[in-house]
Amino acid sequence: MPIPARELATHGPVIPVIVIEHVDQAVPMARALVAGGVRVLEVTLRTPAGLPSIERIAREVPDAIVGAGTVCSVADAQAAASAGGLFVVSPGFDPDIARACVDLDLACLPGVATAGEVMAARKAGLDFLKFFPAVPAGGIPMLKALHGPFPDIAFCPTGGLTPQTAGNFLALPNVLVCGGSWLTPADALAAGDWARVTQLAQQASALKPVA
């Protein structure tokens, strides 16, 4: 059985959106995040290192719940499952990917930005969705507007959030968790500054809703 998608939101207020350039960064980075209290790790498929990094983390960091981001095709979802990923995050909603995730026992967190996309995802049986790109797509006012017709749908806003604004998103009744890239800055990964990654993870884990 796959992890229920909403369970991904029970391990802390922020899911890091991770871009890895070199596979040898994957395991120490994942351990640094887990040490800071962040267990759910979205490793994007934006670089050639993405899939092998998921495989390494799945094998060597048992406390991490690792999945694939930037999943844009059924083939991407299949590759994520083969690498040991437990969930997929896509920038938009694709019913073929949603069906494939059921077959592959993967939790599915598709991106939506409009009411029509929310309706399509809900028709596919999904009730926890990525709101992307969150800030350009309308941010907090848009999420408030979506809550009226879709009180049963929860969101993970991703795209343009910062440590300073994430708490405002978390205060919304239809936001369970936020996605953010600030936990794993490229310069910290390149320098192997895992203490900084752990510190950023600790700060993210401590984020509270701000009305």
N, C-alpha and C. Protein backbone atom coordinates (compact mmCIF):
# COMPACT_ATOMS: atom_id res chain seq x y z
N MET A 1 0.84 -1.20 0.00
CA MET A 1 0.00 0.00 0.00
C MET A 1 0.87 1.25 0.00
N PRO A 2 0.51 2.27 -0.80
CA PRO A 2 1.29 3.51 -0.81
C PRO A 2 1.06 4.31 0.46
N ILE A 3 1.96 5.21 0.76
CA ILE A 3 1.74 6.18 1.82
C ILE A 3 0.56 7.06 1.42
N PRO A 4 -0.44 7.25 2.27
CA PRO A 4 -1.48 8.23 1.94
C PRO A 4 -0.85 9.61 1.73
N ALA A 5 -1.27 10.30 0.70
CA ALA A 5 -0.63 11.57 0.36
C ALA A 5 -0.65 12.54 1.53
N ARG A 6 -1.75 12.59 2.26
CA ARG A 6 -1.83 13.55 3.36
C ARG A 6 -0.86 13.20 4.49
N GLU A 7 -0.42 11.96 4.55
CA GLU A 7 0.54 11.60 5.58
C GLU A 7 1.86 12.34 5.40
N LEU A 8 2.15 12.75 4.17
CA LEU A 8 3.38 13.50 3.91
C LEU A 8 3.40 14.81 4.69
N ALA A 9 2.24 15.31 5.03
CA ALA A 9 2.14 16.59 5.73
C ALA A 9 2.22 16.44 7.24
N THR A 10 2.35 15.22 7.74
CA THR A 10 2.34 15.01 9.19
C THR A 10 3.74 14.99 9.79
N HIS A 11 4.76 15.18 8.98
CA HIS A 11 6.13 15.08 9.46
C HIS A 11 6.82 16.44 9.58
N GLY A 12 6.05 17.51 9.59
CA GLY A 12 6.63 18.83 9.72
C GLY A 12 6.00 19.81 8.75
N PRO A 13 6.18 21.11 9.00
CA PRO A 13 5.47 22.12 8.22
C PRO A 13 6.03 22.42 6.84
N VAL A 14 7.24 21.91 6.52
CA VAL A 14 7.85 22.22 5.24
C VAL A 14 8.40 20.96 4.58
N ILE A 15 8.09 20.79 3.30
CA ILE A 15 8.70 19.75 2.48
C ILE A 15 9.75 20.43 1.60
N PRO A 16 11.02 20.08 1.74
CA PRO A 16 12.04 20.73 0.93
C PRO A 16 11.98 20.30 -0.53
N VAL A 17 12.13 21.27 -1.41
CA VAL A 17 12.21 21.01 -2.85
C VAL A 17 13.70 21.06 -3.19
N ILE A 18 14.26 19.90 -3.53
CA ILE A 18 15.71 19.73 -3.56
C ILE A 18 16.21 19.53 -5.00
N VAL A 19 17.21 20.30 -5.37
CA VAL A 19 17.89 20.13 -6.65
C VAL A 19 19.32 19.69 -6.36
N ILE A 20 19.67 18.49 -6.78
CA ILE A 20 20.99 17.93 -6.51
C ILE A 20 21.78 17.87 -7.82
N GLU A 21 22.97 18.45 -7.80
CA GLU A 21 23.83 18.46 -8.98
C GLU A 21 24.78 17.26 -9.01
N HIS A 22 25.15 16.75 -7.84
CA HIS A 22 26.12 15.66 -7.76
C HIS A 22 25.60 14.59 -6.80
N VAL A 23 25.63 13.35 -7.24
CA VAL A 23 25.04 12.26 -6.46
C VAL A 23 25.69 12.12 -5.09
N ASP A 24 26.99 12.44 -5.00
CA ASP A 24 27.65 12.27 -3.72
C ASP A 24 27.17 13.26 -2.66
N GLN A 25 26.36 14.24 -3.06
CA GLN A 25 25.76 15.17 -2.09
C GLN A 25 24.51 14.57 -1.43
N ALA A 26 23.93 13.56 -2.05
CA ALA A 26 22.59 13.12 -1.67
C ALA A 26 22.50 12.61 -0.23
N VAL A 27 23.34 11.64 0.12
CA VAL A 27 23.21 11.00 1.43
C VAL A 27 23.56 11.95 2.57
N PRO A 28 24.71 12.67 2.52
CA PRO A 28 24.98 13.60 3.62
C PRO A 28 23.94 14.70 3.74
N MET A 29 23.40 15.16 2.60
CA MET A 29 22.35 16.17 2.64
C MET A 29 21.10 15.62 3.32
N ALA A 30 20.70 14.41 2.92
CA ALA A 30 19.50 13.81 3.51
C ALA A 30 19.69 13.60 5.01
N ARG A 31 20.85 13.15 5.41
CA ARG A 31 21.11 12.95 6.84
C ARG A 31 21.08 14.27 7.59
N ALA A 32 21.57 15.33 6.96
CA ALA A 32 21.54 16.65 7.59
C ALA A 32 20.11 17.15 7.76
N LEU A 33 19.27 16.92 6.77
CA LEU A 33 17.87 17.33 6.87
C LEU A 33 17.15 16.53 7.96
N VAL A 34 17.35 15.23 7.98
CA VAL A 34 16.71 14.39 9.00
C VAL A 34 17.17 14.82 10.40
N ALA A 35 18.45 15.13 10.53
CA ALA A 35 18.97 15.58 11.82
C ALA A 35 18.29 16.86 12.29
N GLY A 36 17.84 17.67 11.33
CA GLY A 36 17.14 18.91 11.66
C GLY A 36 15.65 18.75 11.80
N GLY A 37 15.16 17.51 11.71
CA GLY A 37 13.74 17.25 11.91
C GLY A 37 12.90 17.20 10.65
N VAL A 38 13.55 17.22 9.49
CA VAL A 38 12.83 17.17 8.21
C VAL A 38 13.02 15.79 7.59
N ARG A 39 11.93 15.03 7.47
CA ARG A 39 12.03 13.65 6.99
C ARG A 39 11.52 13.47 5.57
N VAL A 40 10.55 14.25 5.16
CA VAL A 40 9.97 14.11 3.82
C VAL A 40 10.79 14.95 2.85
N LEU A 41 11.41 14.29 1.88
CA LEU A 41 12.36 14.94 0.98
C LEU A 41 11.90 14.79 -0.47
N GLU A 42 11.64 15.90 -1.11
CA GLU A 42 11.28 15.90 -2.53
C GLU A 42 12.53 16.21 -3.35
N VAL A 43 13.08 15.19 -3.98
CA VAL A 43 14.26 15.36 -4.83
C VAL A 43 13.78 15.51 -6.27
N THR A 44 14.03 16.66 -6.85
CA THR A 44 13.50 16.92 -8.18
C THR A 44 14.29 16.16 -9.25
N LEU A 45 13.62 15.92 -10.35
CA LEU A 45 14.25 15.27 -11.50
C LEU A 45 14.76 16.30 -12.50
N ARG A 46 15.16 17.45 -12.01
CA ARG A 46 15.62 18.53 -12.89
C ARG A 46 17.06 18.34 -13.33
N THR A 47 17.79 17.44 -12.69
CA THR A 47 19.19 17.19 -13.05
C THR A 47 19.39 15.69 -13.24
N PRO A 48 20.44 15.29 -13.95
CA PRO A 48 20.73 13.86 -14.10
C PRO A 48 21.00 13.16 -12.77
N ALA A 49 21.35 13.92 -11.75
CA ALA A 49 21.64 13.32 -10.45
C ALA A 49 20.38 12.99 -9.66
N GLY A 50 19.22 13.44 -10.12
CA GLY A 50 18.00 13.29 -9.35
C GLY A 50 17.65 11.84 -9.02
N LEU A 51 17.51 11.01 -10.04
CA LEU A 51 17.10 9.62 -9.81
C LEU A 51 18.13 8.82 -9.00
N PRO A 52 19.42 8.87 -9.37
CA PRO A 52 20.37 8.12 -8.55
C PRO A 52 20.46 8.64 -7.12
N SER A 53 20.17 9.92 -6.91
CA SER A 53 20.15 10.46 -5.56
C SER A 53 18.99 9.88 -4.76
N ILE A 54 17.83 9.76 -5.39
CA ILE A 54 16.69 9.12 -4.72
C ILE A 54 17.03 7.69 -4.33
N GLU A 55 17.68 6.99 -5.24
CA GLU A 55 18.05 5.60 -4.97
C GLU A 55 19.01 5.51 -3.78
N ARG A 56 19.99 6.39 -3.74
CA ARG A 56 20.96 6.38 -2.64
C ARG A 56 20.28 6.69 -1.31
N ILE A 57 19.43 7.72 -1.32
CA ILE A 57 18.76 8.11 -0.07
C ILE A 57 17.84 7.00 0.41
N ALA A 58 17.08 6.41 -0.51
CA ALA A 58 16.17 5.33 -0.14
C ALA A 58 16.92 4.16 0.48
N ARG A 59 18.11 3.90 0.00
CA ARG A 59 18.88 2.76 0.47
C ARG A 59 19.66 3.05 1.75
N GLU A 60 20.17 4.28 1.89
CA GLU A 60 21.14 4.56 2.94
C GLU A 60 20.63 5.46 4.07
N VAL A 61 19.45 6.07 3.90
CA VAL A 61 18.92 6.97 4.94
C VAL A 61 17.52 6.49 5.29
N PRO A 62 17.41 5.45 6.11
CA PRO A 62 16.10 4.82 6.35
C PRO A 62 15.09 5.73 7.03
N ASP A 63 15.55 6.77 7.74
CA ASP A 63 14.61 7.67 8.40
C ASP A 63 14.00 8.69 7.45
N ALA A 64 14.52 8.78 6.24
CA ALA A 64 13.99 9.72 5.26
C ALA A 64 12.83 9.09 4.49
N ILE A 65 11.87 9.93 4.16
CA ILE A 65 10.76 9.55 3.28
C ILE A 65 11.00 10.30 1.98
N VAL A 66 11.59 9.61 1.02
CA VAL A 66 12.06 10.30 -0.18
C VAL A 66 11.13 10.06 -1.36
N GLY A 67 10.92 11.12 -2.14
CA GLY A 67 10.11 11.02 -3.34
C GLY A 67 10.71 11.87 -4.44
N ALA A 68 10.07 11.84 -5.59
CA ALA A 68 10.56 12.55 -6.77
C ALA A 68 9.68 13.76 -7.06
N GLY A 69 10.33 14.89 -7.34
CA GLY A 69 9.63 16.07 -7.80
C GLY A 69 9.89 16.30 -9.28
N THR A 70 9.16 17.25 -9.85
CA THR A 70 9.23 17.55 -11.28
C THR A 70 8.97 16.29 -12.11
N VAL A 71 7.98 15.54 -11.69
CA VAL A 71 7.56 14.35 -12.43
C VAL A 71 6.57 14.81 -13.51
N CYS A 72 6.98 14.66 -14.76
CA CYS A 72 6.20 15.22 -15.88
C CYS A 72 5.66 14.16 -16.83
N SER A 73 5.87 12.88 -16.51
CA SER A 73 5.40 11.82 -17.40
C SER A 73 5.23 10.54 -16.61
N VAL A 74 4.51 9.60 -17.20
CA VAL A 74 4.38 8.28 -16.59
C VAL A 74 5.75 7.62 -16.46
N ALA A 75 6.61 7.82 -17.45
CA ALA A 75 7.95 7.25 -17.39
C ALA A 75 8.73 7.79 -16.19
N ASP A 76 8.56 9.08 -15.91
CA ASP A 76 9.21 9.65 -14.72
C ASP A 76 8.71 8.97 -13.45
N ALA A 77 7.41 8.75 -13.36
CA ALA A 77 6.84 8.10 -12.18
C ALA A 77 7.37 6.68 -12.04
N GLN A 78 7.44 5.98 -13.15
CA GLN A 78 7.96 4.61 -13.12
C GLN A 78 9.41 4.59 -12.67
N ALA A 79 10.20 5.53 -13.17
CA ALA A 79 11.61 5.61 -12.78
C ALA A 79 11.75 5.94 -11.31
N ALA A 80 10.89 6.82 -10.80
CA ALA A 80 10.93 7.17 -9.38
C ALA A 80 10.63 5.96 -8.52
N ALA A 81 9.63 5.18 -8.91
CA ALA A 81 9.29 3.98 -8.16
C ALA A 81 10.45 2.98 -8.19
N SER A 82 11.06 2.81 -9.34
CA SER A 82 12.18 1.87 -9.47
C SER A 82 13.37 2.30 -8.62
N ALA A 83 13.52 3.61 -8.42
CA ALA A 83 14.63 4.13 -7.62
C ALA A 83 14.36 4.04 -6.12
N GLY A 84 13.14 3.67 -5.75
CA GLY A 84 12.81 3.56 -4.33
C GLY A 84 12.03 4.73 -3.78
N GLY A 85 11.60 5.63 -4.66
CA GLY A 85 10.78 6.76 -4.21
C GLY A 85 9.43 6.28 -3.69
N LEU A 86 8.90 7.02 -2.73
CA LEU A 86 7.61 6.66 -2.12
C LEU A 86 6.48 7.58 -2.56
N PHE A 87 6.82 8.68 -3.19
CA PHE A 87 5.78 9.60 -3.65
C PHE A 87 6.32 10.38 -4.84
N VAL A 88 5.39 10.97 -5.60
CA VAL A 88 5.79 11.83 -6.72
C VAL A 88 5.06 13.16 -6.60
N VAL A 89 5.75 14.20 -7.01
CA VAL A 89 5.19 15.55 -7.05
C VAL A 89 5.35 16.04 -8.48
N SER A 90 4.27 16.52 -9.06
CA SER A 90 4.33 16.99 -10.44
C SER A 90 3.95 18.47 -10.49
N PRO A 91 4.48 19.20 -11.47
CA PRO A 91 4.16 20.63 -11.56
C PRO A 91 2.73 20.90 -11.98
N GLY A 92 2.08 19.92 -12.61
CA GLY A 92 0.69 20.07 -13.03
C GLY A 92 -0.05 18.75 -12.89
N PHE A 93 -1.36 18.79 -13.10
CA PHE A 93 -2.15 17.57 -12.99
C PHE A 93 -2.23 16.85 -14.33
N ASP A 94 -1.87 15.58 -14.33
CA ASP A 94 -1.96 14.72 -15.51
C ASP A 94 -2.66 13.43 -15.07
N PRO A 95 -3.85 13.15 -15.60
CA PRO A 95 -4.58 11.96 -15.16
C PRO A 95 -3.82 10.67 -15.41
N ASP A 96 -2.98 10.63 -16.44
CA ASP A 96 -2.20 9.42 -16.71
C ASP A 96 -1.18 9.18 -15.59
N ILE A 97 -0.56 10.25 -15.11
CA ILE A 97 0.39 10.10 -14.00
C ILE A 97 -0.36 9.67 -12.74
N ALA A 98 -1.52 10.25 -12.50
CA ALA A 98 -2.30 9.88 -11.32
C ALA A 98 -2.66 8.39 -11.34
N ARG A 99 -3.08 7.90 -12.51
CA ARG A 99 -3.41 6.47 -12.62
C ARG A 99 -2.17 5.60 -12.44
N ALA A 100 -1.06 6.04 -13.01
CA ALA A 100 0.18 5.28 -12.88
C ALA A 100 0.61 5.17 -11.43
N CYS A 101 0.42 6.25 -10.67
CA CYS A 101 0.81 6.23 -9.26
C CYS A 101 0.02 5.19 -8.48
N VAL A 102 -1.24 5.01 -8.82
CA VAL A 102 -2.04 3.97 -8.18
C VAL A 102 -1.44 2.60 -8.47
N ASP A 103 -1.09 2.37 -9.73
CA ASP A 103 -0.52 1.08 -10.13
C ASP A 103 0.85 0.84 -9.49
N LEU A 104 1.58 1.94 -9.25
CA LEU A 104 2.95 1.84 -8.75
C LEU A 104 3.03 1.93 -7.22
N ASP A 105 1.88 2.07 -6.56
CA ASP A 105 1.85 2.25 -5.10
C ASP A 105 2.62 3.48 -4.66
N LEU A 106 2.45 4.57 -5.39
CA LEU A 106 3.08 5.83 -5.05
C LEU A 106 2.03 6.84 -4.62
N ALA A 107 2.31 7.59 -3.58
CA ALA A 107 1.47 8.74 -3.27
C ALA A 107 1.68 9.80 -4.35
N CYS A 108 0.63 10.51 -4.70
CA CYS A 108 0.67 11.46 -5.80
C CYS A 108 0.27 12.84 -5.32
N LEU A 109 1.13 13.82 -5.55
CA LEU A 109 0.85 15.20 -5.18
C LEU A 109 1.00 16.07 -6.43
N PRO A 110 -0.09 16.21 -7.20
CA PRO A 110 0.01 16.96 -8.45
C PRO A 110 -0.17 18.45 -8.23
N GLY A 111 0.42 19.22 -9.13
CA GLY A 111 0.28 20.66 -9.07
C GLY A 111 -1.00 21.14 -9.71
N VAL A 112 -1.61 22.15 -9.10
CA VAL A 112 -2.79 22.81 -9.65
C VAL A 112 -2.66 24.31 -9.43
N ALA A 113 -3.30 25.09 -10.28
CA ALA A 113 -3.27 26.54 -10.12
C ALA A 113 -4.63 27.18 -10.36
N THR A 114 -5.62 26.38 -10.79
CA THR A 114 -6.94 26.92 -11.11
C THR A 114 -8.03 26.02 -10.54
N ALA A 115 -9.24 26.57 -10.47
CA ALA A 115 -10.38 25.79 -9.99
C ALA A 115 -10.65 24.59 -10.88
N GLY A 116 -10.49 24.77 -12.19
CA GLY A 116 -10.72 23.66 -13.11
C GLY A 116 -9.75 22.52 -12.87
N GLU A 117 -8.49 22.85 -12.59
CA GLU A 117 -7.50 21.81 -12.31
C GLU A 117 -7.80 21.10 -10.99
N VAL A 118 -8.26 21.85 -10.00
CA VAL A 118 -8.67 21.23 -8.74
C VAL A 118 -9.80 20.23 -8.99
N MET A 119 -10.78 20.62 -9.80
CA MET A 119 -11.90 19.73 -10.09
C MET A 119 -11.43 18.47 -10.80
N ALA A 120 -10.50 18.61 -11.74
CA ALA A 120 -9.99 17.44 -12.46
C ALA A 120 -9.24 16.50 -11.52
N ALA A 121 -8.44 17.07 -10.63
CA ALA A 121 -7.69 16.24 -9.68
C ALA A 121 -8.64 15.55 -8.70
N ARG A 122 -9.65 16.27 -8.26
CA ARG A 122 -10.61 15.68 -7.32
C ARG A 122 -11.38 14.56 -8.00
N LYS A 123 -11.71 14.72 -9.27
CA LYS A 123 -12.39 13.67 -10.03
C LYS A 123 -11.54 12.41 -10.09
N ALA A 124 -10.22 12.57 -10.06
CA ALA A 124 -9.30 11.43 -10.08
C ALA A 124 -9.10 10.82 -8.69
N GLY A 125 -9.80 11.36 -7.70
CA GLY A 125 -9.73 10.80 -6.35
C GLY A 125 -8.68 11.41 -5.46
N LEU A 126 -8.13 12.57 -5.86
CA LEU A 126 -7.06 13.20 -5.09
C LEU A 126 -7.62 14.38 -4.29
N ASP A 127 -7.23 14.45 -3.03
CA ASP A 127 -7.73 15.55 -2.19
C ASP A 127 -6.62 16.33 -1.49
N PHE A 128 -5.37 16.03 -1.82
CA PHE A 128 -4.22 16.78 -1.31
C PHE A 128 -3.37 17.16 -2.51
N LEU A 129 -3.27 18.46 -2.78
CA LEU A 129 -2.71 18.94 -4.03
C LEU A 129 -1.63 19.99 -3.78
N LYS A 130 -0.70 20.04 -4.69
CA LYS A 130 0.32 21.09 -4.68
C LYS A 130 -0.26 22.33 -5.38
N PHE A 131 -0.24 23.47 -4.70
CA PHE A 131 -0.65 24.72 -5.33
C PHE A 131 0.60 25.37 -5.89
N PHE A 132 0.72 25.38 -7.22
CA PHE A 132 1.96 25.78 -7.88
C PHE A 132 1.69 26.52 -9.18
N PRO A 133 2.47 27.56 -9.47
CA PRO A 133 3.44 28.24 -8.60
C PRO A 133 2.69 29.16 -7.64
N ALA A 134 2.85 28.95 -6.36
CA ALA A 134 1.96 29.52 -5.37
C ALA A 134 1.86 31.04 -5.44
N VAL A 135 2.98 31.71 -5.36
CA VAL A 135 2.92 33.18 -5.32
C VAL A 135 2.48 33.75 -6.67
N PRO A 136 3.09 33.36 -7.81
CA PRO A 136 2.61 33.89 -9.09
C PRO A 136 1.15 33.53 -9.39
N ALA A 137 0.66 32.41 -8.86
CA ALA A 137 -0.71 31.97 -9.17
C ALA A 137 -1.76 32.62 -8.27
N GLY A 138 -1.34 33.52 -7.41
CA GLY A 138 -2.33 34.23 -6.60
C GLY A 138 -2.12 34.15 -5.11
N GLY A 139 -1.22 33.27 -4.67
CA GLY A 139 -0.83 33.22 -3.27
C GLY A 139 -1.98 33.00 -2.31
N ILE A 140 -1.90 33.68 -1.18
CA ILE A 140 -2.88 33.50 -0.12
C ILE A 140 -4.29 33.88 -0.56
N PRO A 141 -4.51 34.98 -1.28
CA PRO A 141 -5.88 35.29 -1.72
C PRO A 141 -6.49 34.18 -2.59
N MET A 142 -5.69 33.59 -3.46
CA MET A 142 -6.21 32.51 -4.30
C MET A 142 -6.56 31.28 -3.47
N LEU A 143 -5.71 30.93 -2.51
CA LEU A 143 -6.00 29.78 -1.66
C LEU A 143 -7.27 30.02 -0.83
N LYS A 144 -7.45 31.23 -0.36
CA LYS A 144 -8.69 31.56 0.37
C LYS A 144 -9.90 31.42 -0.55
N ALA A 145 -9.76 31.85 -1.78
CA ALA A 145 -10.87 31.75 -2.73
C ALA A 145 -11.20 30.30 -3.05
N LEU A 146 -10.18 29.44 -3.15
CA LEU A 146 -10.41 28.03 -3.46
C LEU A 146 -11.06 27.28 -2.30
N HIS A 147 -10.86 27.77 -1.09
CA HIS A 147 -11.40 27.06 0.07
C HIS A 147 -12.93 27.05 0.06
N GLY A 148 -13.54 28.11 -0.46
CA GLY A 148 -15.00 28.18 -0.48
C GLY A 148 -15.65 27.03 -1.24
N PRO A 149 -15.34 26.86 -2.54
CA PRO A 149 -15.97 25.77 -3.30
C PRO A 149 -15.35 24.40 -3.05
N PHE A 150 -14.15 24.37 -2.47
CA PHE A 150 -13.46 23.09 -2.29
C PHE A 150 -13.00 22.91 -0.83
N PRO A 151 -13.94 22.87 0.12
CA PRO A 151 -13.54 22.76 1.52
C PRO A 151 -12.90 21.43 1.86
N ASP A 152 -13.06 20.44 0.97
CA ASP A 152 -12.51 19.11 1.22
C ASP A 152 -11.09 18.95 0.68
N ILE A 153 -10.58 19.96 -0.01
CA ILE A 153 -9.27 19.86 -0.64
C ILE A 153 -8.22 20.59 0.21
N ALA A 154 -7.09 19.93 0.42
CA ALA A 154 -5.96 20.53 1.14
C ALA A 154 -4.82 20.76 0.16
N PHE A 155 -3.97 21.71 0.50
CA PHE A 155 -2.92 22.14 -0.42
C PHE A 155 -1.55 22.18 0.25
N CYS A 156 -0.54 22.01 -0.60
CA CYS A 156 0.86 22.28 -0.26
C CYS A 156 1.32 23.38 -1.21
N PRO A 157 1.25 24.65 -0.80
CA PRO A 157 1.70 25.72 -1.70
C PRO A 157 3.22 25.68 -1.88
N THR A 158 3.65 25.79 -3.11
CA THR A 158 5.07 25.73 -3.45
C THR A 158 5.34 26.72 -4.58
N GLY A 159 6.44 27.44 -4.45
CA GLY A 159 6.81 28.38 -5.50
C GLY A 159 6.74 29.81 -5.04
N GLY A 160 7.88 30.35 -4.63
CA GLY A 160 7.94 31.74 -4.21
C GLY A 160 7.80 31.95 -2.71
N LEU A 161 7.61 30.88 -1.94
CA LEU A 161 7.52 31.03 -0.49
C LEU A 161 8.90 31.23 0.12
N THR A 162 8.95 31.88 1.25
CA THR A 162 10.19 32.12 1.98
C THR A 162 9.95 31.76 3.44
N PRO A 163 11.02 31.66 4.24
CA PRO A 163 10.82 31.43 5.67
C PRO A 163 9.99 32.52 6.32
N GLN A 164 10.02 33.72 5.75
CA GLN A 164 9.28 34.83 6.32
C GLN A 164 7.79 34.78 5.97
N THR A 165 7.43 34.16 4.85
CA THR A 165 6.03 34.14 4.43
C THR A 165 5.35 32.79 4.65
N ALA A 166 6.12 31.75 4.88
CA ALA A 166 5.53 30.41 4.99
C ALA A 166 4.50 30.33 6.11
N GLY A 167 4.76 30.99 7.23
CA GLY A 167 3.83 30.94 8.35
C GLY A 167 2.47 31.50 8.00
N ASN A 168 2.41 32.51 7.12
CA ASN A 168 1.13 33.07 6.70
C ASN A 168 0.33 32.07 5.87
N PHE A 169 1.03 31.30 5.05
CA PHE A 169 0.35 30.25 4.28
C PHE A 169 -0.13 29.13 5.21
N LEU A 170 0.71 28.77 6.18
CA LEU A 170 0.34 27.68 7.09
C LEU A 170 -0.87 28.01 7.94
N ALA A 171 -1.17 29.29 8.09
CA ALA A 171 -2.33 29.70 8.89
C ALA A 171 -3.65 29.45 8.17
N LEU A 172 -3.61 29.19 6.87
CA LEU A 172 -4.85 28.98 6.10
C LEU A 172 -5.44 27.61 6.44
N PRO A 173 -6.76 27.50 6.50
CA PRO A 173 -7.38 26.23 6.89
C PRO A 173 -7.19 25.12 5.87
N ASN A 174 -6.90 25.47 4.62
CA ASN A 174 -6.73 24.44 3.60
C ASN A 174 -5.27 24.18 3.23
N VAL A 175 -4.34 24.67 4.04
CA VAL A 175 -2.91 24.42 3.83
C VAL A 175 -2.40 23.52 4.94
N LEU A 176 -1.87 22.36 4.57
CA LEU A 176 -1.34 21.41 5.53
C LEU A 176 0.16 21.55 5.73
N VAL A 177 0.86 21.93 4.67
CA VAL A 177 2.32 21.98 4.68
C VAL A 177 2.74 22.85 3.50
N CYS A 178 3.95 23.39 3.56
CA CYS A 178 4.48 24.22 2.47
C CYS A 178 5.66 23.53 1.82
N GLY A 179 5.89 23.84 0.56
CA GLY A 179 7.08 23.39 -0.13
C GLY A 179 8.05 24.54 -0.28
N GLY A 180 9.34 24.27 -0.07
CA GLY A 180 10.31 25.35 -0.17
C GLY A 180 11.68 24.87 -0.56
N SER A 181 12.38 25.68 -1.33
CA SER A 181 13.72 25.33 -1.80
C SER A 181 14.82 25.90 -0.92
N TRP A 182 14.44 26.70 0.08
CA TRP A 182 15.47 27.40 0.85
C TRP A 182 16.21 26.50 1.84
N LEU A 183 15.74 25.29 2.07
CA LEU A 183 16.41 24.42 3.04
C LEU A 183 17.72 23.85 2.51
N THR A 184 17.84 23.77 1.20
CA THR A 184 19.04 23.16 0.60
C THR A 184 19.63 24.11 -0.45
N PRO A 185 20.16 25.25 -0.03
CA PRO A 185 20.72 26.20 -1.00
C PRO A 185 21.90 25.59 -1.75
N ALA A 186 22.01 25.96 -3.00
CA ALA A 186 23.03 25.36 -3.88
C ALA A 186 24.44 25.57 -3.33
N ASP A 187 24.70 26.74 -2.75
CA ASP A 187 26.05 26.98 -2.26
C ASP A 187 26.38 26.10 -1.06
N ALA A 188 25.39 25.81 -0.23
CA ALA A 188 25.63 24.93 0.92
C ALA A 188 25.91 23.51 0.46
N LEU A 189 25.15 23.05 -0.55
CA LEU A 189 25.39 21.70 -1.06
C LEU A 189 26.76 21.61 -1.73
N ALA A 190 27.11 22.62 -2.50
CA ALA A 190 28.39 22.60 -3.20
C ALA A 190 29.56 22.60 -2.22
N ALA A 191 29.38 23.30 -1.08
CA ALA A 191 30.47 23.39 -0.10
C ALA A 191 30.44 22.25 0.90
N GLY A 192 29.40 21.40 0.84
CA GLY A 192 29.27 20.35 1.84
C GLY A 192 29.02 20.90 3.22
N ASP A 193 28.32 22.03 3.30
CA ASP A 193 28.05 22.67 4.58
C ASP A 193 26.79 22.06 5.19
N TRP A 194 26.95 20.84 5.70
CA TRP A 194 25.78 20.10 6.19
C TRP A 194 25.26 20.67 7.51
N ALA A 195 26.12 21.32 8.26
CA ALA A 195 25.66 21.96 9.50
C ALA A 195 24.66 23.08 9.18
N ARG A 196 24.93 23.80 8.10
CA ARG A 196 23.99 24.85 7.69
C ARG A 196 22.66 24.25 7.24
N VAL A 197 22.71 23.14 6.51
CA VAL A 197 21.47 22.49 6.08
C VAL A 197 20.67 22.02 7.30
N THR A 198 21.34 21.45 8.28
CA THR A 198 20.65 21.03 9.50
C THR A 198 20.02 22.22 10.21
N GLN A 199 20.75 23.34 10.28
CA GLN A 199 20.21 24.53 10.93
C GLN A 199 18.98 25.05 10.20
N LEU A 200 19.02 25.08 8.87
CA LEU A 200 17.87 25.52 8.10
C LEU A 200 16.69 24.57 8.29
N ALA A 201 16.97 23.27 8.40
CA ALA A 201 15.91 22.30 8.64
C ALA A 201 15.29 22.50 10.01
N GLN A 202 16.12 22.77 11.01
CA GLN A 202 15.60 23.02 12.35
C GLN A 202 14.69 24.25 12.36
N GLN A 203 15.11 25.29 11.66
CA GLN A 203 14.31 26.51 11.60
C GLN A 203 12.98 26.25 10.89
N ALA A 204 13.04 25.46 9.81
CA ALA A 204 11.81 25.14 9.08
C ALA A 204 10.88 24.28 9.93
N SER A 205 11.44 23.35 10.68
CA SER A 205 10.63 22.48 11.54
C SER A 205 9.92 23.26 12.62
N ALA A 206 10.49 24.41 12.99
CA ALA A 206 9.91 25.23 14.07
C ALA A 206 8.91 26.25 13.58
N LEU A 207 8.68 26.32 12.25
CA LEU A 207 7.74 27.31 11.73
C LEU A 207 6.33 27.07 12.27
N LYS A 208 5.67 28.15 12.62
CA LYS A 208 4.30 28.10 13.13
C LYS A 208 3.38 28.93 12.25
N PRO A 209 2.09 28.61 12.23
CA PRO A 209 1.14 29.46 11.49
C PRO A 209 1.14 30.88 12.04
N VAL A 210 1.10 31.85 11.13
CA VAL A 210 1.05 33.27 11.50
C VAL A 210 -0.18 33.87 10.87
N ALA A 211 -1.12 34.25 11.69
CA ALA A 211 -2.38 34.78 11.16
C ALA A 211 -2.16 36.17 10.58
